Amino acid sequence: MARICSIRGTRVRSGGKIHRSGLAKKKGGIGRHVTKVTKRSVSPNLQNKRIWVPELEQFVRIKLSCRALKTINKNGAYVTLKKAGLVK
């Protein structure tokens, strides 16, 4: 299953991890040098949740990020899910 938030559309991002070696000049060395750059992925904090929607009087199962959960708490479940196109 894809690692994508149903509400915000947040997905796995890719980036680079920089490996440095050497002692800093401030500490008496000759300076730090970049020796390797490796690819890494940054995953969103996804949760599978059952959310109660009072307007529909039922639970809705969705996979969402914690940021989206905060959005639901702020704006309300029905408004947020309707804007995302998950309920009618």
PDB file of N, CA and C in Angstrom:
ATOM      1  N   MET A   1       0.836  -1.183   0.000  1.00  0.00           N
ATOM      2  CA  MET A   1       0.000   0.000   0.000  1.00  0.00           C
ATOM      3  C   MET A   1       0.878   1.243   0.000  1.00  0.00           C
ATOM      4  N   ALA A   2       0.440   2.264  -0.718  1.00  0.00           N
ATOM      5  CA  ALA A   2       1.239   3.480  -0.828  1.00  0.00           C
ATOM      6  C   ALA A   2       1.279   4.242   0.486  1.00  0.00           C
ATOM      7  N   ARG A   3       2.411   4.868   0.742  1.00  0.00           N
ATOM      8  CA  ARG A   3       2.549   5.666   1.954  1.00  0.00           C
ATOM      9  C   ARG A   3       2.168   7.105   1.640  1.00  0.00           C
ATOM     10  N   ILE A   4       0.864   7.336   1.482  1.00  0.00           N
ATOM     11  CA  ILE A   4       0.341   8.657   1.134  1.00  0.00           C
ATOM     12  C   ILE A   4      -0.802   8.994   2.077  1.00  0.00           C
ATOM     13  N   CYS A   5      -0.805  10.214   2.600  1.00  0.00           N
ATOM     14  CA  CYS A   5      -1.884  10.683   3.472  1.00  0.00           C
ATOM     15  C   CYS A   5      -3.126  10.943   2.628  1.00  0.00           C
ATOM     16  N   SER A   6      -4.278  10.456   3.089  1.00  0.00           N
ATOM     17  CA  SER A   6      -5.526  10.607   2.343  1.00  0.00           C
ATOM     18  C   SER A   6      -6.013  12.048   2.320  1.00  0.00           C
ATOM     19  N   ILE A   7      -5.662  12.825   3.325  1.00  0.00           N
ATOM     20  CA  ILE A   7      -6.183  14.186   3.438  1.00  0.00           C
ATOM     21  C   ILE A   7      -5.236  15.213   2.819  1.00  0.00           C
ATOM     22  N   ARG A   8      -3.980  15.186   3.217  1.00  0.00           N
ATOM     23  CA  ARG A   8      -3.026  16.196   2.776  1.00  0.00           C
ATOM     24  C   ARG A   8      -2.254  15.787   1.533  1.00  0.00           C
ATOM     25  N   GLY A   9      -2.233  14.490   1.217  1.00  0.00           N
ATOM     26  CA  GLY A   9      -1.475  14.032   0.057  1.00  0.00           C
ATOM     27  C   GLY A   9       0.021  13.955   0.313  1.00  0.00           C
ATOM     28  N   THR A  10       0.420  13.996   1.584  1.00  0.00           N
ATOM     29  CA  THR A  10       1.825  13.915   1.945  1.00  0.00           C
ATOM     30  C   THR A  10       2.363  12.542   1.579  1.00  0.00           C
ATOM     31  N   ARG A  11       3.530  12.499   0.940  1.00  0.00           N
ATOM     32  CA  ARG A  11       4.108  11.231   0.515  1.00  0.00           C
ATOM     33  C   ARG A  11       5.574  11.165   0.889  1.00  0.00           C
ATOM     34  N   VAL A  12       6.210  10.035   0.610  1.00  0.00           N
ATOM     35  CA  VAL A  12       7.614   9.845   0.930  1.00  0.00           C
ATOM     36  C   VAL A  12       8.452  10.782   0.058  1.00  0.00           C
ATOM     37  N   ARG A  13       9.369  11.512   0.712  1.00  0.00           N
ATOM     38  CA  ARG A  13      10.265  12.418  -0.009  1.00  0.00           C
ATOM     39  C   ARG A  13      11.667  11.837   0.000  1.00  0.00           C
ATOM     40  N   SER A  14      12.463  12.210  -0.982  1.00  0.00           N
ATOM     41  CA  SER A  14      13.849  11.739  -0.997  1.00  0.00           C
ATOM     42  C   SER A  14      14.781  12.920  -0.799  1.00  0.00           C
ATOM     43  N   GLY A  15      15.939  12.620  -0.248  1.00  0.00           N
ATOM     44  CA  GLY A  15      16.915  13.661   0.006  1.00  0.00           C
ATOM     45  C   GLY A  15      18.295  13.043   0.108  1.00  0.00           C
ATOM     46  N   GLY A  16      19.238  13.799   0.625  1.00  0.00           N
ATOM     47  CA  GLY A  16      20.597  13.311   0.747  1.00  0.00           C
ATOM     48  C   GLY A  16      21.110  13.454   2.164  1.00  0.00           C
ATOM     49  N   LYS A  17      21.872  12.448   2.601  1.00  0.00           N
ATOM     50  CA  LYS A  17      22.530  12.510   3.903  1.00  0.00           C
ATOM     51  C   LYS A  17      24.004  12.749   3.635  1.00  0.00           C
ATOM     52  N   ILE A  18      24.543  13.819   4.200  1.00  0.00           N
ATOM     53  CA  ILE A  18      25.930  14.197   3.961  1.00  0.00           C
ATOM     54  C   ILE A  18      26.808  13.628   5.063  1.00  0.00           C
ATOM     55  N   HIS A  19      27.846  12.892   4.665  1.00  0.00           N
ATOM     56  CA  HIS A  19      28.806  12.348   5.626  1.00  0.00           C
ATOM     57  C   HIS A  19      30.048  13.228   5.604  1.00  0.00           C
ATOM     58  N   ARG A  20      30.423  13.727   6.768  1.00  0.00           N
ATOM     59  CA  ARG A  20      31.590  14.594   6.865  1.00  0.00           C
ATOM     60  C   ARG A  20      32.651  13.915   7.721  1.00  0.00           C
ATOM     61  N   SER A  21      33.916  14.175   7.388  1.00  0.00           N
ATOM     62  CA  SER A  21      34.995  13.644   8.212  1.00  0.00           C
ATOM     63  C   SER A  21      35.990  14.760   8.495  1.00  0.00           C
ATOM     64  N   GLY A  22      36.816  14.553   9.489  1.00  0.00           N
ATOM     65  CA  GLY A  22      37.826  15.537   9.847  1.00  0.00           C
ATOM     66  C   GLY A  22      37.443  16.285  11.104  1.00  0.00           C
ATOM     67  N   LEU A  23      38.422  16.969  11.667  1.00  0.00           N
ATOM     68  CA  LEU A  23      38.231  17.749  12.881  1.00  0.00           C
ATOM     69  C   LEU A  23      38.067  19.210  12.510  1.00  0.00           C
ATOM     70  N   ALA A  24      37.128  19.885  13.132  1.00  0.00           N
ATOM     71  CA  ALA A  24      36.867  21.287  12.832  1.00  0.00           C
ATOM     72  C   ALA A  24      38.082  22.158  13.122  1.00  0.00           C
ATOM     73  N   LYS A  25      38.231  23.238  12.344  1.00  0.00           N
ATOM     74  CA  LYS A  25      39.357  24.161  12.548  1.00  0.00           C
ATOM     75  C   LYS A  25      39.323  24.770  13.942  1.00  0.00           C
ATOM     76  N   LYS A  26      38.131  25.013  14.433  1.00  0.00           N
ATOM     77  CA  LYS A  26      37.962  25.592  15.763  1.00  0.00           C
ATOM     78  C   LYS A  26      38.549  24.690  16.849  1.00  0.00           C
ATOM     79  N   LYS A  27      38.537  23.372  16.563  1.00  0.00           N
ATOM     80  CA  LYS A  27      39.048  22.400  17.542  1.00  0.00           C
ATOM     81  C   LYS A  27      40.491  21.991  17.255  1.00  0.00           C
ATOM     82  N   GLY A  28      41.160  22.690  16.337  1.00  0.00           N
ATOM     83  CA  GLY A  28      42.571  22.416  16.067  1.00  0.00           C
ATOM     84  C   GLY A  28      42.835  21.521  14.880  1.00  0.00           C
ATOM     85  N   GLY A  29      41.794  21.197  14.111  1.00  0.00           N
ATOM     86  CA  GLY A  29      41.976  20.337  12.948  1.00  0.00           C
ATOM     87  C   GLY A  29      42.185  21.147  11.686  1.00  0.00           C
ATOM     88  N   ILE A  30      42.146  20.455  10.534  1.00  0.00           N
ATOM     89  CA  ILE A  30      42.334  21.147   9.254  1.00  0.00           C
ATOM     90  C   ILE A  30      41.008  21.448   8.570  1.00  0.00           C
ATOM     91  N   GLY A  31      39.900  21.128   9.227  1.00  0.00           N
ATOM     92  CA  GLY A  31      38.588  21.448   8.673  1.00  0.00           C
ATOM     93  C   GLY A  31      37.795  20.202   8.340  1.00  0.00           C
ATOM     94  N   ARG A  32      36.502  20.373   8.241  1.00  0.00           N
ATOM     95  CA  ARG A  32      35.608  19.261   7.921  1.00  0.00           C
ATOM     96  C   ARG A  32      35.496  19.146   6.408  1.00  0.00           C
ATOM     97  N   HIS A  33      35.421  17.908   5.917  1.00  0.00           N
ATOM     98  CA  HIS A  33      35.287  17.676   4.485  1.00  0.00           C
ATOM     99  C   HIS A  33      34.144  16.711   4.221  1.00  0.00           C
ATOM    100  N   VAL A  34      33.413  16.967   3.147  1.00  0.00           N
ATOM    101  CA  VAL A  34      32.345  16.063   2.731  1.00  0.00           C
ATOM    102  C   VAL A  34      32.993  14.906   1.996  1.00  0.00           C
ATOM    103  N   THR A  35      32.766  13.683   2.487  1.00  0.00           N
ATOM    104  CA  THR A  35      33.379  12.513   1.854  1.00  0.00           C
ATOM    105  C   THR A  35      32.367  11.660   1.105  1.00  0.00           C
ATOM    106  N   LYS A  36      31.084  11.767   1.460  1.00  0.00           N
ATOM    107  CA  LYS A  36      30.088  10.925   0.812  1.00  0.00           C
ATOM    108  C   LYS A  36      28.711  11.551   0.965  1.00  0.00           C
ATOM    109  N   VAL A  37      27.910  11.433  -0.077  1.00  0.00           N
ATOM    110  CA  VAL A  37      26.506  11.851  -0.021  1.00  0.00           C
ATOM    111  C   VAL A  37      25.669  10.641  -0.407  1.00  0.00           C
ATOM    112  N   THR A  38      24.819  10.178   0.515  1.00  0.00           N
ATOM    113  CA  THR A  38      23.983   9.011   0.240  1.00  0.00           C
ATOM    114  C   THR A  38      22.522   9.435   0.162  1.00  0.00           C
ATOM    115  N   LYS A  39      21.746   8.707  -0.630  1.00  0.00           N
ATOM    116  CA  LYS A  39      20.321   8.980  -0.757  1.00  0.00           C
ATOM    117  C   LYS A  39      19.596   8.425   0.463  1.00  0.00           C
ATOM    118  N   ARG A  40      18.583   9.139   0.906  1.00  0.00           N
ATOM    119  CA  ARG A  40      17.737   8.643   1.991  1.00  0.00           C
ATOM    120  C   ARG A  40      16.313   9.089   1.724  1.00  0.00           C
ATOM    121  N   SER A  41      15.362   8.390   2.343  1.00  0.00           N
ATOM    122  CA  SER A  41      13.952   8.755   2.166  1.00  0.00           C
ATOM    123  C   SER A  41      13.377   9.233   3.495  1.00  0.00           C
ATOM    124  N   VAL A  42      12.513  10.213   3.403  1.00  0.00           N
ATOM    125  CA  VAL A  42      11.858  10.776   4.587  1.00  0.00           C
ATOM    126  C   VAL A  42      10.385  10.417   4.495  1.00  0.00           C
ATOM    127  N   SER A  43       9.913   9.577   5.416  1.00  0.00           N
ATOM    128  CA  SER A  43       8.528   9.101   5.382  1.00  0.00           C
ATOM    129  C   SER A  43       7.639   9.969   6.259  1.00  0.00           C
ATOM    130  N   PRO A  44       6.395  10.213   5.832  1.00  0.00           N
ATOM    131  CA  PRO A  44       5.459  10.929   6.699  1.00  0.00           C
ATOM    132  C   PRO A  44       5.013  10.038   7.848  1.00  0.00           C
ATOM    133  N   ASN A  45       4.584  10.643   8.931  1.00  0.00           N
ATOM    134  CA  ASN A  45       4.131   9.900  10.107  1.00  0.00           C
ATOM    135  C   ASN A  45       2.675   9.487   9.882  1.00  0.00           C
ATOM    136  N   LEU A  46       2.475   8.335   9.229  1.00  0.00           N
ATOM    137  CA  LEU A  46       1.122   7.893   8.866  1.00  0.00           C
ATOM    138  C   LEU A  46       0.514   7.010   9.940  1.00  0.00           C
ATOM    139  N   GLN A  47      -0.788   7.183  10.137  1.00  0.00           N
ATOM    140  CA  GLN A  47      -1.552   6.403  11.107  1.00  0.00           C
ATOM    141  C   GLN A  47      -2.828   5.906  10.417  1.00  0.00           C
ATOM    142  N   ASN A  48      -3.255   4.700  10.757  1.00  0.00           N
ATOM    143  CA  ASN A  48      -4.560   4.207  10.322  1.00  0.00           C
ATOM    144  C   ASN A  48      -5.547   4.517  11.441  1.00  0.00           C
ATOM    145  N   LYS A  49      -6.579   5.311  11.143  1.00  0.00           N
ATOM    146  CA  LYS A  49      -7.499   5.771  12.180  1.00  0.00           C
ATOM    147  C   LYS A  49      -8.944   5.541  11.779  1.00  0.00           C
ATOM    148  N   ARG A  50      -9.766   5.296  12.802  1.00  0.00           N
ATOM    149  CA  ARG A  50     -11.227   5.316  12.648  1.00  0.00           C
ATOM    150  C   ARG A  50     -11.685   6.637  13.242  1.00  0.00           C
ATOM    151  N   ILE A  51     -12.283   7.482  12.426  1.00  0.00           N
ATOM    152  CA  ILE A  51     -12.707   8.806  12.891  1.00  0.00           C
ATOM    153  C   ILE A  51     -14.222   8.874  12.879  1.00  0.00           C
ATOM    154  N   TRP A  52     -14.791   9.290  14.001  1.00  0.00           N
ATOM    155  CA  TRP A  52     -16.238   9.442  14.114  1.00  0.00           C
ATOM    156  C   TRP A  52     -16.662  10.743  13.449  1.00  0.00           C
ATOM    157  N   VAL A  53     -17.625  10.636  12.523  1.00  0.00           N
ATOM    158  CA  VAL A  53     -18.174  11.810  11.850  1.00  0.00           C
ATOM    159  C   VAL A  53     -19.609  11.982  12.336  1.00  0.00           C
ATOM    160  N   PRO A  54     -19.853  12.977  13.204  1.00  0.00           N
ATOM    161  CA  PRO A  54     -21.193  13.139  13.782  1.00  0.00           C
ATOM    162  C   PRO A  54     -22.279  13.441  12.747  1.00  0.00           C
ATOM    163  N   GLU A  55     -21.931  14.174  11.688  1.00  0.00           N
ATOM    164  CA  GLU A  55     -22.924  14.517  10.656  1.00  0.00           C
ATOM    165  C   GLU A  55     -23.427  13.278   9.925  1.00  0.00           C
ATOM    166  N   LEU A  56     -22.564  12.287   9.746  1.00  0.00           N
ATOM    167  CA  LEU A  56     -22.956  11.043   9.071  1.00  0.00           C
ATOM    168  C   LEU A  56     -23.377   9.959  10.057  1.00  0.00           C
ATOM    169  N   GLU A  57     -23.082  10.177  11.327  1.00  0.00           N
ATOM    170  CA  GLU A  57     -23.334   9.225  12.403  1.00  0.00           C
ATOM    171  C   GLU A  57     -22.695   7.865  12.105  1.00  0.00           C
ATOM    172  N   GLN A  58     -21.431   7.893  11.684  1.00  0.00           N
ATOM    173  CA  GLN A  58     -20.686   6.664  11.428  1.00  0.00           C
ATOM    174  C   GLN A  58     -19.188   6.921  11.514  1.00  0.00           C
ATOM    175  N   PHE A  59     -18.430   5.825  11.603  1.00  0.00           N
ATOM    176  CA  PHE A  59     -16.975   5.917  11.596  1.00  0.00           C
ATOM    177  C   PHE A  59     -16.475   5.871  10.160  1.00  0.00           C
ATOM    178  N   VAL A  60     -15.358   6.538   9.909  1.00  0.00           N
ATOM    179  CA  VAL A  60     -14.698   6.491   8.606  1.00  0.00           C
ATOM    180  C   VAL A  60     -13.259   6.053   8.849  1.00  0.00           C
ATOM    181  N   ARG A  61     -12.823   5.010   8.128  1.00  0.00           N
ATOM    182  CA  ARG A  61     -11.449   4.521   8.256  1.00  0.00           C
ATOM    183  C   ARG A  61     -10.586   5.205   7.212  1.00  0.00           C
ATOM    184  N   ILE A  62      -9.507   5.861   7.667  1.00  0.00           N
ATOM    185  CA  ILE A  62      -8.600   6.521   6.731  1.00  0.00           C
ATOM    186  C   ILE A  62      -7.157   6.399   7.210  1.00  0.00           C
ATOM    187  N   LYS A  63      -6.245   6.508   6.258  1.00  0.00           N
ATOM    188  CA  LYS A  63      -4.814   6.548   6.561  1.00  0.00           C
ATOM    189  C   LYS A  63      -4.402   8.007   6.444  1.00  0.00           C
ATOM    190  N   LEU A  64      -3.935   8.558   7.559  1.00  0.00           N
ATOM    191  CA  LEU A  64      -3.594   9.981   7.547  1.00  0.00           C
ATOM    192  C   LEU A  64      -2.334  10.258   8.342  1.00  0.00           C
ATOM    193  N   SER A  65      -1.747  11.424   8.086  1.00  0.00           N
ATOM    194  CA  SER A  65      -0.559  11.839   8.826  1.00  0.00           C
ATOM    195  C   SER A  65      -0.994  12.534  10.109  1.00  0.00           C
ATOM    196  N   CYS A  66      -0.061  12.675  11.034  1.00  0.00           N
ATOM    197  CA  CYS A  66      -0.389  13.330  12.301  1.00  0.00           C
ATOM    198  C   CYS A  66      -0.735  14.794  12.089  1.00  0.00           C
ATOM    199  N   ARG A  67      -0.148  15.430  11.093  1.00  0.00           N
ATOM    200  CA  ARG A  67      -0.486  16.815  10.764  1.00  0.00           C
ATOM    201  C   ARG A  67      -1.942  16.911  10.314  1.00  0.00           C
ATOM    202  N   ALA A  68      -2.405  15.914   9.548  1.00  0.00           N
ATOM    203  CA  ALA A  68      -3.802  15.888   9.096  1.00  0.00           C
ATOM    204  C   ALA A  68      -4.740  15.656  10.276  1.00  0.00           C
ATOM    205  N   LEU A  69      -4.300  14.883  11.261  1.00  0.00           N
ATOM    206  CA  LEU A  69      -5.107  14.645  12.456  1.00  0.00           C
ATOM    207  C   LEU A  69      -5.314  15.950  13.218  1.00  0.00           C
ATOM    208  N   LYS A  70      -4.272  16.782  13.273  1.00  0.00           N
ATOM    209  CA  LYS A  70      -4.390  18.096  13.910  1.00  0.00           C
ATOM    210  C   LYS A  70      -5.363  18.987  13.127  1.00  0.00           C
ATOM    211  N   THR A  71      -5.355  18.860  11.802  1.00  0.00           N
ATOM    212  CA  THR A  71      -6.273  19.632  10.958  1.00  0.00           C
ATOM    213  C   THR A  71      -7.717  19.222  11.231  1.00  0.00           C
ATOM    214  N   ILE A  72      -7.947  17.920  11.418  1.00  0.00           N
ATOM    215  CA  ILE A  72      -9.292  17.423  11.735  1.00  0.00           C
ATOM    216  C   ILE A  72      -9.749  17.959  13.084  1.00  0.00           C
ATOM    217  N   ASN A  73      -8.840  17.963  14.069  1.00  0.00           N
ATOM    218  CA  ASN A  73      -9.189  18.498  15.384  1.00  0.00           C
ATOM    219  C   ASN A  73      -9.522  19.980  15.318  1.00  0.00           C
ATOM    220  N   LYS A  74      -8.855  20.698  14.449  1.00  0.00           N
ATOM    221  CA  LYS A  74      -9.056  22.142  14.347  1.00  0.00           C
ATOM    222  C   LYS A  74     -10.336  22.497  13.572  1.00  0.00           C
ATOM    223  N   ASN A  75     -10.518  21.898  12.395  1.00  0.00           N
ATOM    224  CA  ASN A  75     -11.613  22.285  11.501  1.00  0.00           C
ATOM    225  C   ASN A  75     -12.848  21.401  11.602  1.00  0.00           C
ATOM    226  N   GLY A  76     -12.723  20.235  12.203  1.00  0.00           N
ATOM    227  CA  GLY A  76     -13.844  19.300  12.276  1.00  0.00           C
ATOM    228  C   GLY A  76     -13.688  18.191  11.256  1.00  0.00           C
ATOM    229  N   ALA A  77     -14.204  17.012  11.595  1.00  0.00           N
ATOM    230  CA  ALA A  77     -14.029  15.835  10.760  1.00  0.00           C
ATOM    231  C   ALA A  77     -14.765  15.954   9.430  1.00  0.00           C
ATOM    232  N   TYR A  78     -16.034  16.342   9.475  1.00  0.00           N
ATOM    233  CA  TYR A  78     -16.838  16.362   8.257  1.00  0.00           C
ATOM    234  C   TYR A  78     -16.303  17.370   7.239  1.00  0.00           C
ATOM    235  N   VAL A  79     -15.967  18.567   7.699  1.00  0.00           N
ATOM    236  CA  VAL A  79     -15.466  19.623   6.805  1.00  0.00           C
ATOM    237  C   VAL A  79     -14.150  19.188   6.144  1.00  0.00           C
ATOM    238  N   THR A  80     -13.248  18.628   6.934  1.00  0.00           N
ATOM    239  CA  THR A  80     -11.945  18.225   6.410  1.00  0.00           C
ATOM    240  C   THR A  80     -12.063  17.068   5.429  1.00  0.00           C
ATOM    241  N   LEU A  81     -12.874  16.059   5.778  1.00  0.00           N
ATOM    242  CA  LEU A  81     -13.036  14.902   4.901  1.00  0.00           C
ATOM    243  C   LEU A  81     -13.773  15.274   3.621  1.00  0.00           C
ATOM    244  N   LYS A  82     -14.719  16.192   3.716  1.00  0.00           N
ATOM    245  CA  LYS A  82     -15.451  16.632   2.526  1.00  0.00           C
ATOM    246  C   LYS A  82     -14.528  17.392   1.576  1.00  0.00           C
ATOM    247  N   LYS A  83     -13.659  18.236   2.138  1.00  0.00           N
ATOM    248  CA  LYS A  83     -12.718  19.006   1.330  1.00  0.00           C
ATOM    249  C   LYS A  83     -11.726  18.073   0.630  1.00  0.00           C
ATOM    250  N   ALA A  84     -11.362  16.965   1.306  1.00  0.00           N
ATOM    251  CA  ALA A  84     -10.440  15.977   0.719  1.00  0.00           C
ATOM    252  C   ALA A  84     -11.145  15.061  -0.279  1.00  0.00           C
ATOM    253  N   GLY A  85     -12.480  15.092  -0.302  1.00  0.00           N
ATOM    254  CA  GLY A  85     -13.251  14.264  -1.233  1.00  0.00           C
ATOM    255  C   GLY A  85     -13.448  12.841  -0.759  1.00  0.00           C
ATOM    256  N   LEU A  86     -13.373  12.626   0.552  1.00  0.00           N
ATOM    257  CA  LEU A  86     -13.528  11.280   1.104  1.00  0.00           C
ATOM    258  C   LEU A  86     -14.947  10.965   1.544  1.00  0.00           C
ATOM    259  N   VAL A  87     -15.779  11.977   1.749  1.00  0.00           N
ATOM    260  CA  VAL A  87     -17.197  11.777   2.077  1.00  0.00           C
ATOM    261  C   VAL A  87     -18.038  12.663   1.164  1.00  0.00           C
ATOM    262  N   LYS A  88     -19.329  12.328   1.054  1.00  0.00           N
ATOM    263  CA  LYS A  88     -20.225  13.112   0.174  1.00  0.00           C
ATOM    264  C   LYS A  88     -20.920  14.209   0.928  1.00  0.00           C
TER     265      LYS A  88
END
